[in-house]
Amino acid sequence: MPVEDNRHQVFTNDPVHYHSLLHSRVSVSTTDSKEYAGWVHTIDPVSESVLLVDFEGGDGGKKVVLVSGYNVADITVLEQTPPPGLAKTIDALFRKEQVHYSNKELTERREALCVWLAENRVPYTVKDDLSVEVLQAAVIRQPYNADSIHCTNEVVLDKVMKLVQQMPSPS
């Protein structure tokens, strides 16, 4: 009598194979008879979704396509090795550019944040590490923007993020 294997696909797929497809030019056939071609940026090992990037023509245009894993029928490798520099170009599309501030700029940003909080009658304290504690629950670290807020209470986090996003830019 055959034993039925009820394990999730994530336990039976081949992550080494998926990793070997990174930065390869592939053609993805779908269950609804569509074809997508592009350079693989990533493959989600759980959902098996494929993120493709295609550079349209020579004008610098880019097309990003996410093919949902449930819809992938077949992946065919068209080119295994990308041209020099292409892998970095693809990865750079999905990387947020880091902004570096001087100590003077950070001080101005912190002071502007404190003024904004005071104007909105929100209690805050500046800690020894120069982070700003808001409502005794949220901590805003350098560079003092909405992305640098840390809080375990989601309601407080949401309110503080909205307030910081509405703050005028320091001049």
C-alpha atoms as a PDB file:
ATOM      1  CA  MET A   1       0.000   0.000   0.000  1.00  0.00           C
ATOM      2  CA  PRO A   2       1.583   3.339  -1.073  1.00  0.00           C
ATOM      3  CA  VAL A   3       2.234   5.975   1.600  1.00  0.00           C
ATOM      4  CA  GLU A   4       0.904   9.430   0.764  1.00  0.00           C
ATOM      5  CA  ASP A   5       3.390  12.261   1.374  1.00  0.00           C
ATOM      6  CA  ASN A   6       1.520  15.278   2.761  1.00  0.00           C
ATOM      7  CA  ARG A   7       4.579  17.458   3.307  1.00  0.00           C
ATOM      8  CA  HIS A   8       4.455  21.056   2.144  1.00  0.00           C
ATOM      9  CA  GLN A   9       6.278  21.832  -1.095  1.00  0.00           C
ATOM     10  CA  VAL A  10       8.828  23.966   0.797  1.00  0.00           C
ATOM     11  CA  PHE A  11      10.240  20.761   2.323  1.00  0.00           C
ATOM     12  CA  THR A  12      10.633  19.033  -1.029  1.00  0.00           C
ATOM     13  CA  ASN A  13      11.858  21.793  -3.368  1.00  0.00           C
ATOM     14  CA  ASP A  14      15.524  22.291  -4.187  1.00  0.00           C
ATOM     15  CA  PRO A  15      16.885  25.592  -2.784  1.00  0.00           C
ATOM     16  CA  VAL A  16      20.296  24.981  -4.362  1.00  0.00           C
ATOM     17  CA  HIS A  17      18.617  24.864  -7.775  1.00  0.00           C
ATOM     18  CA  TYR A  18      16.709  28.079  -7.026  1.00  0.00           C
ATOM     19  CA  HIS A  19      19.950  29.746  -5.936  1.00  0.00           C
ATOM     20  CA  SER A  20      21.647  28.674  -9.167  1.00  0.00           C
ATOM     21  CA  LEU A  21      18.946  30.540 -11.122  1.00  0.00           C
ATOM     22  CA  LEU A  22      19.758  33.914  -9.525  1.00  0.00           C
ATOM     23  CA  HIS A  23      20.890  36.479 -12.121  1.00  0.00           C
ATOM     24  CA  SER A  24      20.196  34.009 -14.949  1.00  0.00           C
ATOM     25  CA  ARG A  25      18.070  34.967 -17.946  1.00  0.00           C
ATOM     26  CA  VAL A  26      15.064  32.670 -17.915  1.00  0.00           C
ATOM     27  CA  SER A  27      11.744  32.098 -19.579  1.00  0.00           C
ATOM     28  CA  VAL A  28       8.879  31.325 -17.210  1.00  0.00           C
ATOM     29  CA  SER A  29       5.877  29.465 -18.597  1.00  0.00           C
ATOM     30  CA  THR A  30       2.675  29.785 -16.621  1.00  0.00           C
ATOM     31  CA  THR A  31      -0.317  27.520 -16.128  1.00  0.00           C
ATOM     32  CA  ASP A  32      -2.462  30.037 -18.040  1.00  0.00           C
ATOM     33  CA  SER A  33      -0.192  29.669 -21.127  1.00  0.00           C
ATOM     34  CA  LYS A  34       1.718  32.939 -20.793  1.00  0.00           C
ATOM     35  CA  GLU A  35       5.472  33.401 -21.149  1.00  0.00           C
ATOM     36  CA  TYR A  36       7.620  35.833 -19.197  1.00  0.00           C
ATOM     37  CA  ALA A  37      11.318  36.371 -19.875  1.00  0.00           C
ATOM     38  CA  GLY A  38      13.856  38.265 -17.823  1.00  0.00           C
ATOM     39  CA  TRP A  39      16.772  38.142 -15.413  1.00  0.00           C
ATOM     40  CA  VAL A  40      15.967  36.422 -12.100  1.00  0.00           C
ATOM     41  CA  HIS A  41      16.365  38.745  -9.118  1.00  0.00           C
ATOM     42  CA  THR A  42      14.970  36.289  -6.585  1.00  0.00           C
ATOM     43  CA  ILE A  43      12.814  33.220  -6.096  1.00  0.00           C
ATOM     44  CA  ASP A  44      10.803  32.876  -2.908  1.00  0.00           C
ATOM     45  CA  PRO A  45      11.498  29.363  -1.565  1.00  0.00           C
ATOM     46  CA  VAL A  46       8.113  29.133   0.185  1.00  0.00           C
ATOM     47  CA  SER A  47       5.695  30.432  -2.447  1.00  0.00           C
ATOM     48  CA  GLU A  48       8.070  29.670  -5.342  1.00  0.00           C
ATOM     49  CA  SER A  49       7.232  33.064  -6.863  1.00  0.00           C
ATOM     50  CA  VAL A  50       9.785  34.391  -9.353  1.00  0.00           C
ATOM     51  CA  LEU A  51      10.809  38.055  -9.598  1.00  0.00           C
ATOM     52  CA  LEU A  52      12.092  38.919 -13.077  1.00  0.00           C
ATOM     53  CA  VAL A  53      13.759  42.093 -14.331  1.00  0.00           C
ATOM     54  CA  ASP A  54      13.919  42.858 -18.036  1.00  0.00           C
ATOM     55  CA  PHE A  55      15.738  45.790 -19.598  1.00  0.00           C
ATOM     56  CA  GLU A  56      13.600  47.012 -22.475  1.00  0.00           C
ATOM     57  CA  GLY A  57      15.588  48.228 -25.469  1.00  0.00           C
ATOM     58  CA  GLY A  58      18.631  50.439 -25.088  1.00  0.00           C
ATOM     59  CA  ASP A  59      16.792  53.426 -23.588  1.00  0.00           C
ATOM     60  CA  GLY A  60      17.334  52.347 -19.986  1.00  0.00           C
ATOM     61  CA  GLY A  61      13.737  51.222 -19.452  1.00  0.00           C
ATOM     62  CA  LYS A  62      13.136  48.432 -16.980  1.00  0.00           C
ATOM     63  CA  LYS A  63      10.250  46.047 -16.511  1.00  0.00           C
ATOM     64  CA  VAL A  64       9.777  44.125 -13.268  1.00  0.00           C
ATOM     65  CA  VAL A  65       7.445  41.116 -13.236  1.00  0.00           C
ATOM     66  CA  LEU A  66       6.411  38.959 -10.292  1.00  0.00           C
ATOM     67  CA  VAL A  67       5.180  35.549 -11.401  1.00  0.00           C
ATOM     68  CA  SER A  68       3.221  33.944  -8.568  1.00  0.00           C
ATOM     69  CA  GLY A  69       4.476  30.511  -7.627  1.00  0.00           C
ATOM     70  CA  TYR A  70       1.104  28.783  -7.995  1.00  0.00           C
ATOM     71  CA  ASN A  71       1.069  29.949 -11.623  1.00  0.00           C
ATOM     72  CA  VAL A  72       4.595  28.790 -12.586  1.00  0.00           C
ATOM     73  CA  ALA A  73       4.512  25.751 -14.865  1.00  0.00           C
ATOM     74  CA  ASP A  74       8.133  25.685 -16.051  1.00  0.00           C
ATOM     75  CA  ILE A  75      11.356  27.691 -15.841  1.00  0.00           C
ATOM     76  CA  THR A  76      13.763  27.454 -18.769  1.00  0.00           C
ATOM     77  CA  VAL A  77      17.267  28.920 -18.520  1.00  0.00           C
ATOM     78  CA  LEU A  78      18.118  31.070 -21.553  1.00  0.00           C
ATOM     79  CA  GLU A  79      21.486  32.433 -20.318  1.00  0.00           C
ATOM     80  CA  GLN A  80      23.245  31.098 -17.232  1.00  0.00           C
ATOM     81  CA  THR A  81      25.832  33.858 -16.832  1.00  0.00           C
ATOM     82  CA  PRO A  82      24.867  37.542 -16.914  1.00  0.00           C
ATOM     83  CA  PRO A  83      26.987  40.164 -18.676  1.00  0.00           C
ATOM     84  CA  PRO A  84      29.550  41.910 -16.420  1.00  0.00           C
ATOM     85  CA  GLY A  85      27.908  44.375 -14.026  1.00  0.00           C
ATOM     86  CA  LEU A  86      24.344  43.247 -14.709  1.00  0.00           C
ATOM     87  CA  ALA A  87      23.921  41.432 -11.384  1.00  0.00           C
ATOM     88  CA  LYS A  88      24.892  44.604  -9.474  1.00  0.00           C
ATOM     89  CA  THR A  89      22.559  46.696 -11.639  1.00  0.00           C
ATOM     90  CA  ILE A  90      19.633  44.374 -10.929  1.00  0.00           C
ATOM     91  CA  ASP A  91      20.335  44.253  -7.194  1.00  0.00           C
ATOM     92  CA  ALA A  92      20.681  48.042  -7.042  1.00  0.00           C
ATOM     93  CA  LEU A  93      17.105  48.415  -8.310  1.00  0.00           C
ATOM     94  CA  PHE A  94      15.835  46.910  -5.052  1.00  0.00           C
ATOM     95  CA  ARG A  95      18.275  48.481  -2.621  1.00  0.00           C
ATOM     96  CA  LYS A  96      17.388  51.669  -0.800  1.00  0.00           C
ATOM     97  CA  GLU A  97      20.107  54.297  -1.142  1.00  0.00           C
ATOM     98  CA  GLN A  98      21.797  55.100   2.148  1.00  0.00           C
ATOM     99  CA  VAL A  99      21.984  58.764   3.105  1.00  0.00           C
ATOM    100  CA  HIS A 100      24.789  59.818   5.419  1.00  0.00           C
ATOM    101  CA  TYR A 101      24.307  62.883   7.580  1.00  0.00           C
ATOM    102  CA  SER A 102      26.969  64.972   9.293  1.00  0.00           C
ATOM    103  CA  ASN A 103      26.832  65.475  13.063  1.00  0.00           C
ATOM    104  CA  LYS A 104      25.566  69.011  12.475  1.00  0.00           C
ATOM    105  CA  GLU A 105      22.750  67.762  10.221  1.00  0.00           C
ATOM    106  CA  LEU A 106      21.780  65.076  12.741  1.00  0.00           C
ATOM    107  CA  THR A 107      21.650  67.675  15.526  1.00  0.00           C
ATOM    108  CA  GLU A 108      19.447  69.918  13.353  1.00  0.00           C
ATOM    109  CA  ARG A 109      17.149  66.989  12.518  1.00  0.00           C
ATOM    110  CA  ARG A 110      16.855  65.991  16.200  1.00  0.00           C
ATOM    111  CA  GLU A 111      16.131  69.577  17.260  1.00  0.00           C
ATOM    112  CA  ALA A 112      13.540  70.006  14.495  1.00  0.00           C
ATOM    113  CA  LEU A 113      11.882  66.767  15.616  1.00  0.00           C
ATOM    114  CA  CYS A 114      11.787  67.950  19.236  1.00  0.00           C
ATOM    115  CA  VAL A 115      10.259  71.285  18.191  1.00  0.00           C
ATOM    116  CA  TRP A 116       7.658  69.431  16.083  1.00  0.00           C
ATOM    117  CA  LEU A 117       6.769  67.128  18.961  1.00  0.00           C
ATOM    118  CA  ALA A 118       6.498  70.088  21.356  1.00  0.00           C
ATOM    119  CA  GLU A 119       4.292  72.018  18.912  1.00  0.00           C
ATOM    120  CA  ASN A 120       2.000  69.000  18.749  1.00  0.00           C
ATOM    121  CA  ARG A 121       2.053  68.642  22.561  1.00  0.00           C
ATOM    122  CA  VAL A 122       3.563  65.166  22.443  1.00  0.00           C
ATOM    123  CA  PRO A 123       5.710  64.306  25.488  1.00  0.00           C
ATOM    124  CA  TYR A 124       9.282  63.301  24.658  1.00  0.00           C
ATOM    125  CA  THR A 125      12.707  63.029  26.233  1.00  0.00           C
ATOM    126  CA  VAL A 126      16.163  63.044  24.642  1.00  0.00           C
ATOM    127  CA  LYS A 127      18.179  60.100  25.955  1.00  0.00           C
ATOM    128  CA  ASP A 128      21.926  59.915  26.627  1.00  0.00           C
ATOM    129  CA  ASP A 129      22.468  58.067  23.324  1.00  0.00           C
ATOM    130  CA  LEU A 130      20.754  61.038  21.564  1.00  0.00           C
ATOM    131  CA  SER A 131      17.668  58.999  20.702  1.00  0.00           C
ATOM    132  CA  VAL A 132      14.280  60.602  21.314  1.00  0.00           C
ATOM    133  CA  GLU A 133      11.787  58.698  23.448  1.00  0.00           C
ATOM    134  CA  VAL A 134       8.180  59.561  22.621  1.00  0.00           C
ATOM    135  CA  LEU A 135       5.186  58.811  24.897  1.00  0.00           C
ATOM    136  CA  GLN A 136       7.469  56.568  26.987  1.00  0.00           C
ATOM    137  CA  ALA A 137       6.906  53.882  24.355  1.00  0.00           C
ATOM    138  CA  ALA A 138       8.523  54.761  21.034  1.00  0.00           C
ATOM    139  CA  VAL A 139      12.190  55.493  20.398  1.00  0.00           C
ATOM    140  CA  ILE A 140      13.335  57.538  17.416  1.00  0.00           C
ATOM    141  CA  ARG A 141      16.985  57.038  16.524  1.00  0.00           C
ATOM    142  CA  GLN A 142      19.206  58.738  13.972  1.00  0.00           C
ATOM    143  CA  PRO A 143      18.444  59.964  11.310  1.00  0.00           C
ATOM    144  CA  TYR A 144      15.196  60.911  13.092  1.00  0.00           C
ATOM    145  CA  ASN A 145      12.713  59.989  10.371  1.00  0.00           C
ATOM    146  CA  ALA A 146       9.672  57.693  10.204  1.00  0.00           C
ATOM    147  CA  ASP A 147      11.845  54.706   9.237  1.00  0.00           C
ATOM    148  CA  SER A 148      13.960  55.034  12.382  1.00  0.00           C
ATOM    149  CA  ILE A 149      11.123  54.655  14.891  1.00  0.00           C
ATOM    150  CA  HIS A 150      11.161  51.584  17.137  1.00  0.00           C
ATOM    151  CA  CYS A 151       8.121  50.637  19.194  1.00  0.00           C
ATOM    152  CA  THR A 152       6.494  47.396  20.335  1.00  0.00           C
ATOM    153  CA  ASN A 153       3.031  48.960  20.566  1.00  0.00           C
ATOM    154  CA  GLU A 154       1.642  49.060  17.024  1.00  0.00           C
ATOM    155  CA  VAL A 155      -0.983  51.705  17.807  1.00  0.00           C
ATOM    156  CA  VAL A 156       1.632  54.087  19.245  1.00  0.00           C
ATOM    157  CA  LEU A 157       4.021  53.254  16.402  1.00  0.00           C
ATOM    158  CA  ASP A 158       1.377  54.132  13.811  1.00  0.00           C
ATOM    159  CA  LYS A 159       0.499  57.452  15.503  1.00  0.00           C
ATOM    160  CA  VAL A 160       4.138  58.493  15.941  1.00  0.00           C
ATOM    161  CA  MET A 161       5.019  57.491  12.365  1.00  0.00           C
ATOM    162  CA  LYS A 162       2.160  59.570  10.968  1.00  0.00           C
ATOM    163  CA  LEU A 163       3.195  62.536  13.084  1.00  0.00           C
ATOM    164  CA  VAL A 164       6.845  62.303  12.018  1.00  0.00           C
ATOM    165  CA  GLN A 165       5.841  61.925   8.353  1.00  0.00           C
ATOM    166  CA  GLN A 166       3.846  65.169   8.602  1.00  0.00           C
ATOM    167  CA  MET A 167       6.819  67.029  10.082  1.00  0.00           C
ATOM    168  CA  PRO A 168       8.152  69.806   7.830  1.00  0.00           C
ATOM    169  CA  SER A 169      11.639  69.153   6.467  1.00  0.00           C
ATOM    170  CA  PRO A 170      14.403  70.814   8.487  1.00  0.00           C
ATOM    171  CA  SER A 171      15.769  73.789   6.555  1.00  0.00           C
END
